[in-house]
Amino acid sequence: MEQKLDQQTLSHILSVTEQLIKETGCQQTTLQMIMDRTGLSKGAIYHYVKSKDELFGKILESYMTTVNHQFHEAVKLSKDNDIRPAIQAIVSSMAERGTSNTIFIYLLSQQHKPNIATMLKELRRSLMELSEAWITIGKEHGAIPAHVDVKAFASMFVTLSYGLRVNQMIADDQQVPQMQDVFLFMINAFQK
């Protein structure tokens, strides 16, 4: 029961922080603002995280967990072993503009701090693992060609998705390539 309450409290903190970021941006979001909105003390928040930046990292982790869950749910619901809709769901969710992009860019700007550099490396490692798992499942279901090198494809996917995140933050809407197009490009490139 206590663990469920802890998870509910953390989810509340993450949700409030995400909303504050939407309203004011990462730089302007303060721990005091988070405390005011959640009604929690500094000590209560520090029970879950050591800093505002770690809280931002937890939002990105939560986002990856959600995308992974959506992928596996879509695979379960797939008909005739067709998981292309599940892969499309990943691609679409990773391409959306939103708080996760804002946080990602903010954390990149703070990577000179050792704790943030470590956090970014861990987030990348986690995304690589998820990507490799998704690609393996895609290969098993025939949505990705069997000869595709899982690690190389995952690395390319992560690299391109990071580049798209940055591009989406600075480009006009008409100039932003769609993640779906990038994914198809990658599939076609690996078929040769």
C-alpha atoms as a PDB file:
ATOM      1  CA  MET A   1       0.000   0.000   0.000  1.00  0.00           C
ATOM      2  CA  GLU A   2       2.809   2.403   0.927  1.00  0.00           C
ATOM      3  CA  GLN A   3       4.584   1.718  -2.373  1.00  0.00           C
ATOM      4  CA  LYS A   4       1.364   2.550  -4.262  1.00  0.00           C
ATOM      5  CA  LEU A   5       1.087   5.846  -2.371  1.00  0.00           C
ATOM      6  CA  ASP A   6       4.738   6.587  -3.150  1.00  0.00           C
ATOM      7  CA  GLN A   7       4.093   5.949  -6.854  1.00  0.00           C
ATOM      8  CA  GLN A   8       0.959   8.092  -6.795  1.00  0.00           C
ATOM      9  CA  THR A   9       2.841  10.938  -5.108  1.00  0.00           C
ATOM     10  CA  LEU A  10       5.711  10.698  -7.586  1.00  0.00           C
ATOM     11  CA  SER A  11       3.247  10.652 -10.489  1.00  0.00           C
ATOM     12  CA  HIS A  12       1.592  13.751  -9.057  1.00  0.00           C
ATOM     13  CA  ILE A  13       4.940  15.529  -8.732  1.00  0.00           C
ATOM     14  CA  LEU A  14       5.856  14.602 -12.315  1.00  0.00           C
ATOM     15  CA  SER A  15       2.480  15.726 -13.654  1.00  0.00           C
ATOM     16  CA  VAL A  16       2.622  19.076 -11.842  1.00  0.00           C
ATOM     17  CA  THR A  17       6.218  19.639 -12.946  1.00  0.00           C
ATOM     18  CA  GLU A  18       5.330  18.860 -16.542  1.00  0.00           C
ATOM     19  CA  GLN A  19       2.466  21.351 -16.414  1.00  0.00           C
ATOM     20  CA  LEU A  20       4.752  24.025 -14.942  1.00  0.00           C
ATOM     21  CA  ILE A  21       7.268  23.413 -17.726  1.00  0.00           C
ATOM     22  CA  LYS A  22       4.505  23.892 -20.296  1.00  0.00           C
ATOM     23  CA  GLU A  23       3.576  27.168 -18.634  1.00  0.00           C
ATOM     24  CA  THR A  24       6.988  28.637 -17.826  1.00  0.00           C
ATOM     25  CA  GLY A  25       9.728  26.504 -19.406  1.00  0.00           C
ATOM     26  CA  CYS A  26      12.432  24.448 -17.725  1.00  0.00           C
ATOM     27  CA  GLN A  27      14.716  27.289 -16.716  1.00  0.00           C
ATOM     28  CA  GLN A  28      11.947  29.219 -14.965  1.00  0.00           C
ATOM     29  CA  THR A  29      10.358  26.228 -13.232  1.00  0.00           C
ATOM     30  CA  THR A  30      11.552  26.236  -9.642  1.00  0.00           C
ATOM     31  CA  LEU A  31      11.358  23.764  -6.812  1.00  0.00           C
ATOM     32  CA  GLN A  32       9.343  26.362  -4.886  1.00  0.00           C
ATOM     33  CA  MET A  33       6.761  26.444  -7.684  1.00  0.00           C
ATOM     34  CA  ILE A  34       6.570  22.647  -7.611  1.00  0.00           C
ATOM     35  CA  MET A  35       6.164  22.691  -3.829  1.00  0.00           C
ATOM     36  CA  ASP A  36       3.416  25.316  -4.056  1.00  0.00           C
ATOM     37  CA  ARG A  37       1.453  23.417  -6.705  1.00  0.00           C
ATOM     38  CA  THR A  38       1.818  19.963  -5.160  1.00  0.00           C
ATOM     39  CA  GLY A  39       1.384  21.077  -1.568  1.00  0.00           C
ATOM     40  CA  LEU A  40       4.442  19.022  -0.657  1.00  0.00           C
ATOM     41  CA  SER A  41       7.427  20.151   1.369  1.00  0.00           C
ATOM     42  CA  LYS A  42      10.956  20.327   0.002  1.00  0.00           C
ATOM     43  CA  GLY A  43      11.811  17.259   2.080  1.00  0.00           C
ATOM     44  CA  ALA A  44       8.883  15.313   0.651  1.00  0.00           C
ATOM     45  CA  ILE A  45      10.015  16.094  -2.901  1.00  0.00           C
ATOM     46  CA  TYR A  46      13.622  15.257  -2.032  1.00  0.00           C
ATOM     47  CA  HIS A  47      12.366  11.863  -0.897  1.00  0.00           C
ATOM     48  CA  TYR A  48      11.902  11.140  -4.636  1.00  0.00           C
ATOM     49  CA  VAL A  49      14.606  13.222  -6.310  1.00  0.00           C
ATOM     50  CA  LYS A  50      17.781  15.113  -5.423  1.00  0.00           C
ATOM     51  CA  SER A  51      17.209  18.076  -7.719  1.00  0.00           C
ATOM     52  CA  LYS A  52      14.901  19.769 -10.190  1.00  0.00           C
ATOM     53  CA  ASP A  53      17.051  18.378 -13.009  1.00  0.00           C
ATOM     54  CA  GLU A  54      16.672  14.827 -11.711  1.00  0.00           C
ATOM     55  CA  LEU A  55      12.924  15.435 -11.646  1.00  0.00           C
ATOM     56  CA  PHE A  56      13.112  16.454 -15.315  1.00  0.00           C
ATOM     57  CA  GLY A  57      14.994  13.231 -16.064  1.00  0.00           C
ATOM     58  CA  LYS A  58      12.278  11.234 -14.318  1.00  0.00           C
ATOM     59  CA  ILE A  59       9.690  12.862 -16.596  1.00  0.00           C
ATOM     60  CA  LEU A  60      11.672  11.611 -19.608  1.00  0.00           C
ATOM     61  CA  GLU A  61      11.955   8.139 -18.047  1.00  0.00           C
ATOM     62  CA  SER A  62       8.213   8.122 -17.439  1.00  0.00           C
ATOM     63  CA  TYR A  63       7.630   9.156 -21.045  1.00  0.00           C
ATOM     64  CA  MET A  64       9.783   6.256 -22.322  1.00  0.00           C
ATOM     65  CA  THR A  65       7.935   3.833 -20.048  1.00  0.00           C
ATOM     66  CA  THR A  66       4.607   5.059 -21.426  1.00  0.00           C
ATOM     67  CA  VAL A  67       5.750   4.715 -25.049  1.00  0.00           C
ATOM     68  CA  ASN A  68       7.043   1.206 -24.340  1.00  0.00           C
ATOM     69  CA  HIS A  69       3.751   0.239 -22.693  1.00  0.00           C
ATOM     70  CA  GLN A  70       1.791   1.618 -25.667  1.00  0.00           C
ATOM     71  CA  PHE A  71       3.979  -0.381 -28.054  1.00  0.00           C
ATOM     72  CA  HIS A  72       3.437  -3.649 -26.183  1.00  0.00           C
ATOM     73  CA  GLU A  73      -0.306  -3.022 -25.915  1.00  0.00           C
ATOM     74  CA  ALA A  74      -0.480  -2.350 -29.666  1.00  0.00           C
ATOM     75  CA  VAL A  75       1.468  -5.581 -30.340  1.00  0.00           C
ATOM     76  CA  LYS A  76      -1.013  -7.554 -28.212  1.00  0.00           C
ATOM     77  CA  LEU A  77      -3.900  -6.064 -30.186  1.00  0.00           C
ATOM     78  CA  SER A  78      -2.283  -6.587 -33.584  1.00  0.00           C
ATOM     79  CA  LYS A  79      -4.058  -8.769 -36.071  1.00  0.00           C
ATOM     80  CA  ASP A  80      -2.341 -11.328 -38.274  1.00  0.00           C
ATOM     81  CA  ASN A  81       1.051 -10.575 -36.702  1.00  0.00           C
ATOM     82  CA  ASP A  82       0.952  -7.090 -38.259  1.00  0.00           C
ATOM     83  CA  ILE A  83       2.761  -4.861 -35.798  1.00  0.00           C
ATOM     84  CA  ARG A  84       3.303  -1.988 -38.202  1.00  0.00           C
ATOM     85  CA  PRO A  85       0.641   0.003 -36.302  1.00  0.00           C
ATOM     86  CA  ALA A  86       2.618  -0.600 -33.080  1.00  0.00           C
ATOM     87  CA  ILE A  87       5.809   0.633 -34.708  1.00  0.00           C
ATOM     88  CA  GLN A  88       3.893   3.567 -36.144  1.00  0.00           C
ATOM     89  CA  ALA A  89       2.667   4.378 -32.620  1.00  0.00           C
ATOM     90  CA  ILE A  90       6.259   4.569 -31.356  1.00  0.00           C
ATOM     91  CA  VAL A  91       7.365   6.674 -34.255  1.00  0.00           C
ATOM     92  CA  SER A  92       4.426   9.051 -33.889  1.00  0.00           C
ATOM     93  CA  SER A  93       4.786   9.464 -30.141  1.00  0.00           C
ATOM     94  CA  MET A  94       8.517  10.106 -30.424  1.00  0.00           C
ATOM     95  CA  ALA A  95       7.903  12.700 -33.112  1.00  0.00           C
ATOM     96  CA  GLU A  96       5.396  14.759 -31.170  1.00  0.00           C
ATOM     97  CA  ARG A  97       6.412  18.171 -29.983  1.00  0.00           C
ATOM     98  CA  GLY A  98       5.944  18.602 -26.332  1.00  0.00           C
ATOM     99  CA  THR A  99       7.350  18.859 -22.911  1.00  0.00           C
ATOM    100  CA  SER A 100       9.695  15.931 -23.429  1.00  0.00           C
ATOM    101  CA  ASN A 101      11.460  17.825 -26.243  1.00  0.00           C
ATOM    102  CA  THR A 102      11.687  20.947 -24.091  1.00  0.00           C
ATOM    103  CA  ILE A 103      13.179  18.934 -21.222  1.00  0.00           C
ATOM    104  CA  PHE A 104      15.564  17.078 -23.515  1.00  0.00           C
ATOM    105  CA  ILE A 105      16.931  20.314 -25.008  1.00  0.00           C
ATOM    106  CA  TYR A 106      17.204  21.898 -21.553  1.00  0.00           C
ATOM    107  CA  LEU A 107      19.139  18.907 -20.184  1.00  0.00           C
ATOM    108  CA  LEU A 108      21.452  18.977 -23.204  1.00  0.00           C
ATOM    109  CA  SER A 109      22.216  22.606 -22.399  1.00  0.00           C
ATOM    110  CA  GLN A 110      23.151  21.532 -18.864  1.00  0.00           C
ATOM    111  CA  GLN A 111      25.295  18.521 -19.776  1.00  0.00           C
ATOM    112  CA  HIS A 112      28.421  20.267 -18.474  1.00  0.00           C
ATOM    113  CA  LYS A 113      27.138  19.275 -15.024  1.00  0.00           C
ATOM    114  CA  PRO A 114      28.402  15.755 -14.231  1.00  0.00           C
ATOM    115  CA  ASN A 115      25.106  14.542 -12.762  1.00  0.00           C
ATOM    116  CA  ILE A 116      23.200  15.651 -15.865  1.00  0.00           C
ATOM    117  CA  ALA A 117      25.802  14.162 -18.209  1.00  0.00           C
ATOM    118  CA  THR A 118      25.397  10.862 -16.356  1.00  0.00           C
ATOM    119  CA  MET A 119      21.591  11.153 -16.524  1.00  0.00           C
ATOM    120  CA  LEU A 120      21.672  11.798 -20.284  1.00  0.00           C
ATOM    121  CA  LYS A 121      23.940   8.793 -20.847  1.00  0.00           C
ATOM    122  CA  GLU A 122      21.587   6.622 -18.808  1.00  0.00           C
ATOM    123  CA  LEU A 123      18.558   7.893 -20.712  1.00  0.00           C
ATOM    124  CA  ARG A 124      20.309   7.123 -24.006  1.00  0.00           C
ATOM    125  CA  ARG A 125      21.266   3.647 -22.802  1.00  0.00           C
ATOM    126  CA  SER A 126      17.642   3.002 -21.808  1.00  0.00           C
ATOM    127  CA  LEU A 127      16.357   4.265 -25.158  1.00  0.00           C
ATOM    128  CA  MET A 128      18.858   2.030 -26.970  1.00  0.00           C
ATOM    129  CA  GLU A 129      17.637  -0.992 -24.994  1.00  0.00           C
ATOM    130  CA  LEU A 130      14.004  -0.191 -25.731  1.00  0.00           C
ATOM    131  CA  SER A 131      14.762   0.428 -29.405  1.00  0.00           C
ATOM    132  CA  GLU A 132      16.595  -2.877 -29.689  1.00  0.00           C
ATOM    133  CA  ALA A 133      13.647  -4.683 -28.077  1.00  0.00           C
ATOM    134  CA  TRP A 134      11.146  -2.962 -30.392  1.00  0.00           C
ATOM    135  CA  ILE A 135      13.241  -3.759 -33.468  1.00  0.00           C
ATOM    136  CA  THR A 136      13.632  -7.391 -32.406  1.00  0.00           C
ATOM    137  CA  ILE A 137       9.863  -7.695 -32.038  1.00  0.00           C
ATOM    138  CA  GLY A 138       9.447  -5.948 -35.407  1.00  0.00           C
ATOM    139  CA  LYS A 139      11.769  -8.491 -37.009  1.00  0.00           C
ATOM    140  CA  GLU A 140       9.946 -11.403 -35.371  1.00  0.00           C
ATOM    141  CA  HIS A 141       6.643 -10.160 -36.821  1.00  0.00           C
ATOM    142  CA  GLY A 142       8.036  -9.381 -40.270  1.00  0.00           C
ATOM    143  CA  ALA A 143       7.556  -5.597 -40.031  1.00  0.00           C
ATOM    144  CA  ILE A 144      11.329  -5.112 -40.151  1.00  0.00           C
ATOM    145  CA  PRO A 145      13.442  -7.196 -42.550  1.00  0.00           C
ATOM    146  CA  ALA A 146      15.108 -10.197 -40.896  1.00  0.00           C
ATOM    147  CA  HIS A 147      18.610  -9.266 -42.074  1.00  0.00           C
ATOM    148  CA  VAL A 148      18.582  -5.870 -40.329  1.00  0.00           C
ATOM    149  CA  ASP A 149      21.282  -5.519 -37.679  1.00  0.00           C
ATOM    150  CA  VAL A 150      19.358  -4.737 -34.488  1.00  0.00           C
ATOM    151  CA  LYS A 151      22.100  -2.711 -32.788  1.00  0.00           C
ATOM    152  CA  ALA A 152      22.924  -0.680 -35.903  1.00  0.00           C
ATOM    153  CA  PHE A 153      19.252   0.014 -36.609  1.00  0.00           C
ATOM    154  CA  ALA A 154      18.608   0.988 -32.974  1.00  0.00           C
ATOM    155  CA  SER A 155      21.611   3.300 -32.976  1.00  0.00           C
ATOM    156  CA  MET A 156      20.425   4.953 -36.178  1.00  0.00           C
ATOM    157  CA  PHE A 157      16.882   5.248 -34.816  1.00  0.00           C
ATOM    158  CA  VAL A 158      18.070   6.888 -31.579  1.00  0.00           C
ATOM    159  CA  THR A 159      20.403   9.243 -33.448  1.00  0.00           C
ATOM    160  CA  LEU A 160      17.712  10.311 -35.882  1.00  0.00           C
ATOM    161  CA  SER A 161      15.085  10.680 -33.175  1.00  0.00           C
ATOM    162  CA  TYR A 162      17.426  12.945 -31.184  1.00  0.00           C
ATOM    163  CA  GLY A 163      18.112  14.995 -34.297  1.00  0.00           C
ATOM    164  CA  LEU A 164      14.400  15.269 -35.014  1.00  0.00           C
ATOM    165  CA  ARG A 165      13.764  16.475 -31.462  1.00  0.00           C
ATOM    166  CA  VAL A 166      16.227  19.312 -31.941  1.00  0.00           C
ATOM    167  CA  ASN A 167      14.941  20.112 -35.430  1.00  0.00           C
ATOM    168  CA  GLN A 168      11.335  20.250 -34.217  1.00  0.00           C
ATOM    169  CA  MET A 169      12.278  22.845 -31.623  1.00  0.00           C
ATOM    170  CA  ILE A 170      13.897  25.230 -34.102  1.00  0.00           C
ATOM    171  CA  ALA A 171      12.339  24.646 -37.546  1.00  0.00           C
ATOM    172  CA  ASP A 172       9.153  25.946 -39.076  1.00  0.00           C
ATOM    173  CA  ASP A 173       6.372  23.356 -39.159  1.00  0.00           C
ATOM    174  CA  GLN A 174       6.594  23.013 -42.943  1.00  0.00           C
ATOM    175  CA  GLN A 175      10.302  22.184 -42.750  1.00  0.00           C
ATOM    176  CA  VAL A 176      10.123  19.420 -40.149  1.00  0.00           C
ATOM    177  CA  PRO A 177      10.425  15.920 -41.621  1.00  0.00           C
ATOM    178  CA  GLN A 178       7.931  13.512 -40.156  1.00  0.00           C
ATOM    179  CA  MET A 179       9.311  10.696 -38.007  1.00  0.00           C
ATOM    180  CA  GLN A 180       7.228   8.234 -40.049  1.00  0.00           C
ATOM    181  CA  ASP A 181       9.118   9.310 -43.183  1.00  0.00           C
ATOM    182  CA  VAL A 182      12.436   8.901 -41.397  1.00  0.00           C
ATOM    183  CA  PHE A 183      11.429   5.432 -40.211  1.00  0.00           C
ATOM    184  CA  LEU A 184      10.476   4.379 -43.759  1.00  0.00           C
ATOM    185  CA  PHE A 185      13.754   5.834 -45.009  1.00  0.00           C
ATOM    186  CA  MET A 186      15.635   3.733 -42.460  1.00  0.00           C
ATOM    187  CA  ILE A 187      13.747   0.568 -43.431  1.00  0.00           C
ATOM    188  CA  ASN A 188      14.458   1.175 -47.100  1.00  0.00           C
ATOM    189  CA  ALA A 189      18.126   1.913 -46.412  1.00  0.00           C
ATOM    190  CA  PHE A 190      18.569  -1.340 -44.484  1.00  0.00           C
ATOM    191  CA  GLN A 191      16.897  -3.377 -47.230  1.00  0.00           C
ATOM    192  CA  LYS A 192      19.758  -2.721 -49.589  1.00  0.00           C
END
